[in-house]
C-alpha atoms as a PDB file:
ATOM      1  CA  MET A   1      -0.053  -0.052   0.007  1.00  0.00           C
ATOM      2  CA  ILE A   2       1.563   3.402  -1.161  1.00  0.00           C
ATOM      3  CA  SER A   3      -1.007   5.821   0.896  1.00  0.00           C
ATOM      4  CA  GLY A   4      -4.120   5.686   2.208  1.00  0.00           C
ATOM      5  CA  ARG A   5      -6.085   4.449   5.329  1.00  0.00           C
ATOM      6  CA  GLY A   6      -9.083   1.750   5.459  1.00  0.00           C
ATOM      7  CA  PHE A   7      -9.621  -1.958   5.266  1.00  0.00           C
ATOM      8  CA  ILE A   8      -9.383  -4.645   3.557  1.00  0.00           C
ATOM      9  CA  ARG A   9     -11.697  -8.220   3.310  1.00  0.00           C
ATOM     10  CA  VAL A  10      -9.913 -11.398   2.274  1.00  0.00           C
ATOM     11  CA  ALA A  11     -12.315 -14.212   2.990  1.00  0.00           C
ATOM     12  CA  ASP A  12     -13.803 -13.957   6.293  1.00  0.00           C
ATOM     13  CA  GLU A  13     -10.700 -11.729   8.114  1.00  0.00           C
ATOM     14  CA  ASP A  14     -10.731  -8.035   8.337  1.00  0.00           C
ATOM     15  CA  ARG A  15      -7.198  -6.289   7.563  1.00  0.00           C
ATOM     16  CA  SER A  16      -6.150  -2.372   8.323  1.00  0.00           C
ATOM     17  CA  LEU A  17      -4.756  -0.601   5.884  1.00  0.00           C
ATOM     18  CA  LYS A  18      -2.698   1.993   5.812  1.00  0.00           C
ATOM     19  CA  PRO A  19       1.027   2.936   4.224  1.00  0.00           C
ATOM     20  CA  GLY A  20       3.554   0.102   4.059  1.00  0.00           C
ATOM     21  CA  SER A  21       0.830  -2.665   3.925  1.00  0.00           C
ATOM     22  CA  LEU A  22       1.201  -5.897   2.480  1.00  0.00           C
ATOM     23  CA  VAL A  23      -1.703  -8.080   1.606  1.00  0.00           C
ATOM     24  CA  PHE A  24      -1.691 -11.628  -0.118  1.00  0.00           C
ATOM     25  CA  VAL A  25      -4.423 -12.726  -1.524  1.00  0.00           C
ATOM     26  CA  ALA A  26      -4.777 -15.861  -3.155  1.00  0.00           C
ATOM     27  CA  ALA A  27      -6.576 -16.894  -6.198  1.00  0.00           C
ATOM     28  CA  HIS A  28     -10.173 -17.086  -6.157  1.00  0.00           C
ATOM     29  CA  VAL A  29     -10.413 -15.363  -3.015  1.00  0.00           C
ATOM     30  CA  GLU A  30     -13.660 -13.037  -2.534  1.00  0.00           C
ATOM     31  CA  HIS A  31     -11.893  -9.670  -1.006  1.00  0.00           C
ATOM     32  CA  ARG A  32     -12.815  -5.921  -1.033  1.00  0.00           C
ATOM     33  CA  PHE A  33     -11.839  -3.027   0.196  1.00  0.00           C
ATOM     34  CA  HIS A  34     -13.984  -1.128   2.602  1.00  0.00           C
ATOM     35  CA  ASP A  35     -14.216   1.814   5.602  1.00  0.00           C
ATOM     36  CA  ILE A  36     -11.851   3.648   3.204  1.00  0.00           C
ATOM     37  CA  GLU A  37     -10.699   6.820   5.641  1.00  0.00           C
ATOM     38  CA  GLU A  38      -8.041   8.234   2.787  1.00  0.00           C
ATOM     39  CA  ASP A  39      -8.153   7.692  -0.735  1.00  0.00           C
ATOM     40  CA  LEU A  40      -6.090   4.406  -1.182  1.00  0.00           C
ATOM     41  CA  ARG A  41      -3.385   4.493  -3.983  1.00  0.00           C
ATOM     42  CA  VAL A  42      -1.932   0.867  -4.313  1.00  0.00           C
ATOM     43  CA  LEU A  43       0.200  -1.489  -5.937  1.00  0.00           C
ATOM     44  CA  VAL A  44      -1.070  -4.861  -7.590  1.00  0.00           C
ATOM     45  CA  PHE A  45       1.108  -7.736  -8.476  1.00  0.00           C
ATOM     46  CA  TRP A  46      -0.483 -10.587 -10.292  1.00  0.00           C
ATOM     47  CA  ALA A  47       1.430 -13.843 -10.981  1.00  0.00           C
ATOM     48  CA  PRO A  48       0.581 -16.652 -13.346  1.00  0.00           C
ATOM     49  CA  PRO A  49      -0.422 -19.991 -11.450  1.00  0.00           C
ATOM     50  CA  HIS A  50       2.114 -22.443 -10.539  1.00  0.00           C
ATOM     51  CA  LYS A  51       1.923 -25.135 -13.058  1.00  0.00           C
ATOM     52  CA  LYS A  52       1.824 -29.094 -11.683  1.00  0.00           C
ATOM     53  CA  ARG A  53       4.632 -31.046 -13.499  1.00  0.00           C
END
């Protein structure tokens, strides 16, 4: 998280967000931002799924 304040719900767990926060969300897991106190600026990374051999 670059700037702002608020919360993110990942599955059934709420997490506080502030500058420097890092949140991992696995593939197909429901998530949403809520109770945003200051505009959020986030940096998001996606990675391809791991292939089984």
